[in-house]
Amino acid sequence: MVLHRTAGATIYIQEELSDARLRCDELKSYVVRVLDLVNGSPQKDHFYAVAGDVIFAVPETLLKLEKALGAVSMAVNKVDYEEQRQLLRPEKVDELERVLEEVRMRIPRRIGK
């Protein structure tokens, strides 16, 4: 059955994506720790002189990675949502969408980027 293979693939992607997001969060902790060590070091000026480009580039690249993983996560969740929507009774879908809309109204949207 095609639906079963698609659902299996979606679940696999969600698991791997969750792991990637966890690793990204761990990496962020390491970067914060390194920056704290560099900025607290008596040799701070030396570190920035020899590796300033890396010291600035790594956090910026990490932020872009985190945003990209978030975007992929939203896309995969949307695909899964649409797949599940096809399996449920229309009445159940309507009920769930009403509940989700109430939740969306209570969560303030971010302004800006």
C-alpha atoms as a PDB file:
ATOM      1  CA  MET A   1       0.000   0.000   0.000  1.00  0.00           C
ATOM      2  CA  VAL A   2       1.437   3.404  -1.018  1.00  0.00           C
ATOM      3  CA  LEU A   3      -0.020   5.219   2.006  1.00  0.00           C
ATOM      4  CA  HIS A   4       1.808   2.886   4.397  1.00  0.00           C
ATOM      5  CA  ARG A   5       5.173   3.532   2.687  1.00  0.00           C
ATOM      6  CA  THR A   6       4.525   7.281   2.654  1.00  0.00           C
ATOM      7  CA  ALA A   7       3.610   7.304   6.358  1.00  0.00           C
ATOM      8  CA  GLY A   8       6.710   5.257   7.158  1.00  0.00           C
ATOM      9  CA  ALA A   9       8.889   7.698   5.239  1.00  0.00           C
ATOM     10  CA  THR A  10       7.280  10.668   6.964  1.00  0.00           C
ATOM     11  CA  ILE A  11       7.829   9.124  10.377  1.00  0.00           C
ATOM     12  CA  TYR A  12      11.464   8.361   9.523  1.00  0.00           C
ATOM     13  CA  ILE A  13      12.017  11.935   8.331  1.00  0.00           C
ATOM     14  CA  GLN A  14      10.382  13.320  11.486  1.00  0.00           C
ATOM     15  CA  GLU A  15      12.631  11.177  13.687  1.00  0.00           C
ATOM     16  CA  GLU A  16      15.802  12.187  11.850  1.00  0.00           C
ATOM     17  CA  LEU A  17      14.729  15.832  11.820  1.00  0.00           C
ATOM     18  CA  SER A  18      14.089  15.729  15.570  1.00  0.00           C
ATOM     19  CA  ASP A  19      17.555  14.281  16.069  1.00  0.00           C
ATOM     20  CA  ALA A  20      19.089  17.001  13.864  1.00  0.00           C
ATOM     21  CA  ARG A  21      17.264  19.703  15.834  1.00  0.00           C
ATOM     22  CA  LEU A  22      18.514  18.172  19.099  1.00  0.00           C
ATOM     23  CA  ARG A  23      22.100  18.135  17.771  1.00  0.00           C
ATOM     24  CA  CYS A  24      21.696  21.747  16.622  1.00  0.00           C
ATOM     25  CA  ASP A  25      20.597  22.717  20.122  1.00  0.00           C
ATOM     26  CA  GLU A  26      23.576  20.882  21.628  1.00  0.00           C
ATOM     27  CA  LEU A  27      25.882  22.640  19.198  1.00  0.00           C
ATOM     28  CA  LYS A  28      24.373  25.967  20.209  1.00  0.00           C
ATOM     29  CA  SER A  29      25.258  25.227  23.848  1.00  0.00           C
ATOM     30  CA  TYR A  30      28.839  24.457  22.850  1.00  0.00           C
ATOM     31  CA  VAL A  31      29.108  27.655  20.828  1.00  0.00           C
ATOM     32  CA  VAL A  32      27.820  29.713  23.756  1.00  0.00           C
ATOM     33  CA  ARG A  33      30.345  28.016  26.027  1.00  0.00           C
ATOM     34  CA  VAL A  34      33.217  28.668  23.623  1.00  0.00           C
ATOM     35  CA  LEU A  35      32.232  32.312  23.181  1.00  0.00           C
ATOM     36  CA  ASP A  36      32.050  32.744  26.960  1.00  0.00           C
ATOM     37  CA  LEU A  37      35.534  31.216  27.306  1.00  0.00           C
ATOM     38  CA  VAL A  38      36.989  33.348  24.509  1.00  0.00           C
ATOM     39  CA  ASN A  39      35.410  36.556  25.768  1.00  0.00           C
ATOM     40  CA  GLY A  40      36.508  35.830  29.341  1.00  0.00           C
ATOM     41  CA  SER A  41      40.057  34.993  28.371  1.00  0.00           C
ATOM     42  CA  PRO A  42      42.998  37.321  28.959  1.00  0.00           C
ATOM     43  CA  GLN A  43      44.023  36.403  25.387  1.00  0.00           C
ATOM     44  CA  LYS A  44      40.695  37.521  23.959  1.00  0.00           C
ATOM     45  CA  ASP A  45      42.326  40.021  21.596  1.00  0.00           C
ATOM     46  CA  HIS A  46      44.640  37.332  20.276  1.00  0.00           C
ATOM     47  CA  PHE A  47      41.741  34.941  19.631  1.00  0.00           C
ATOM     48  CA  TYR A  48      39.875  37.619  17.701  1.00  0.00           C
ATOM     49  CA  ALA A  49      43.018  38.575  15.789  1.00  0.00           C
ATOM     50  CA  VAL A  50      43.680  35.034  14.555  1.00  0.00           C
ATOM     51  CA  ALA A  51      40.139  33.638  14.374  1.00  0.00           C
ATOM     52  CA  GLY A  52      37.748  36.597  14.466  1.00  0.00           C
ATOM     53  CA  ASP A  53      36.118  35.587  11.193  1.00  0.00           C
ATOM     54  CA  VAL A  54      35.310  32.139  12.598  1.00  0.00           C
ATOM     55  CA  ILE A  55      34.218  33.508  15.973  1.00  0.00           C
ATOM     56  CA  PHE A  56      31.642  35.681  14.198  1.00  0.00           C
ATOM     57  CA  ALA A  57      30.702  33.224  11.414  1.00  0.00           C
ATOM     58  CA  VAL A  58      29.953  30.129  13.492  1.00  0.00           C
ATOM     59  CA  PRO A  59      27.074  31.597  15.570  1.00  0.00           C
ATOM     60  CA  GLU A  60      25.579  33.230  12.468  1.00  0.00           C
ATOM     61  CA  THR A  61      25.762  29.985  10.486  1.00  0.00           C
ATOM     62  CA  LEU A  62      24.316  28.068  13.418  1.00  0.00           C
ATOM     63  CA  LEU A  63      21.368  30.466  13.559  1.00  0.00           C
ATOM     64  CA  LYS A  64      20.736  29.923   9.827  1.00  0.00           C
ATOM     65  CA  LEU A  65      20.924  26.156  10.343  1.00  0.00           C
ATOM     66  CA  GLU A  66      18.433  26.350  13.195  1.00  0.00           C
ATOM     67  CA  LYS A  67      15.992  28.392  11.078  1.00  0.00           C
ATOM     68  CA  ALA A  68      16.361  25.993   8.131  1.00  0.00           C
ATOM     69  CA  LEU A  69      15.667  22.997  10.365  1.00  0.00           C
ATOM     70  CA  GLY A  70      12.621  24.796  11.748  1.00  0.00           C
ATOM     71  CA  ALA A  71      11.310  25.451   8.240  1.00  0.00           C
ATOM     72  CA  VAL A  72      11.824  21.826   7.229  1.00  0.00           C
ATOM     73  CA  SER A  73      10.110  20.717  10.416  1.00  0.00           C
ATOM     74  CA  MET A  74       7.077  22.844   9.614  1.00  0.00           C
ATOM     75  CA  ALA A  75       6.931  21.438   6.074  1.00  0.00           C
ATOM     76  CA  VAL A  76       7.173  17.822   7.225  1.00  0.00           C
ATOM     77  CA  ASN A  77       4.521  18.402   9.872  1.00  0.00           C
ATOM     78  CA  LYS A  78       2.237  19.932   7.238  1.00  0.00           C
ATOM     79  CA  VAL A  79       2.700  16.918   4.938  1.00  0.00           C
ATOM     80  CA  ASP A  80       1.964  14.576   7.848  1.00  0.00           C
ATOM     81  CA  TYR A  81      -1.068  16.668   8.789  1.00  0.00           C
ATOM     82  CA  GLU A  82      -2.451  16.418   5.263  1.00  0.00           C
ATOM     83  CA  GLU A  83      -1.835  12.650   5.168  1.00  0.00           C
ATOM     84  CA  GLN A  84      -3.612  12.146   8.494  1.00  0.00           C
ATOM     85  CA  ARG A  85      -6.425  14.421   7.411  1.00  0.00           C
ATOM     86  CA  GLN A  86      -7.197  12.038   4.535  1.00  0.00           C
ATOM     87  CA  LEU A  87      -7.548   9.109   6.945  1.00  0.00           C
ATOM     88  CA  LEU A  88     -10.006  10.701   9.377  1.00  0.00           C
ATOM     89  CA  ARG A  89     -13.736  11.162   9.101  1.00  0.00           C
ATOM     90  CA  PRO A  90     -14.637  14.645   7.800  1.00  0.00           C
ATOM     91  CA  GLU A  91     -16.493  15.434  11.053  1.00  0.00           C
ATOM     92  CA  LYS A  92     -13.414  14.613  13.106  1.00  0.00           C
ATOM     93  CA  VAL A  93     -11.245  16.780  10.819  1.00  0.00           C
ATOM     94  CA  ASP A  94     -13.656  19.714  11.257  1.00  0.00           C
ATOM     95  CA  GLU A  95     -13.640  19.286  15.040  1.00  0.00           C
ATOM     96  CA  LEU A  96      -9.829  19.120  15.192  1.00  0.00           C
ATOM     97  CA  GLU A  97      -9.436  22.145  12.943  1.00  0.00           C
ATOM     98  CA  ARG A  98     -11.767  24.166  15.195  1.00  0.00           C
ATOM     99  CA  VAL A  99      -9.681  23.203  18.234  1.00  0.00           C
ATOM    100  CA  LEU A 100      -6.444  24.062  16.422  1.00  0.00           C
ATOM    101  CA  GLU A 101      -7.835  27.433  15.360  1.00  0.00           C
ATOM    102  CA  GLU A 102      -8.702  28.231  18.997  1.00  0.00           C
ATOM    103  CA  VAL A 103      -5.128  27.385  19.993  1.00  0.00           C
ATOM    104  CA  ARG A 104      -3.746  29.577  17.180  1.00  0.00           C
ATOM    105  CA  MET A 105      -5.852  32.520  18.354  1.00  0.00           C
ATOM    106  CA  ARG A 106      -4.401  32.228  21.878  1.00  0.00           C
ATOM    107  CA  ILE A 107      -0.787  32.074  20.708  1.00  0.00           C
ATOM    108  CA  PRO A 108       0.513  35.510  19.703  1.00  0.00           C
ATOM    109  CA  ARG A 109       2.207  35.594  16.294  1.00  0.00           C
ATOM    110  CA  ARG A 110       5.795  36.752  16.010  1.00  0.00           C
ATOM    111  CA  ILE A 111       6.273  40.105  14.412  1.00  0.00           C
ATOM    112  CA  GLY A 112       9.274  40.551  12.173  1.00  0.00           C
ATOM    113  CA  LYS A 113      11.853  37.963  11.287  1.00  0.00           C
END
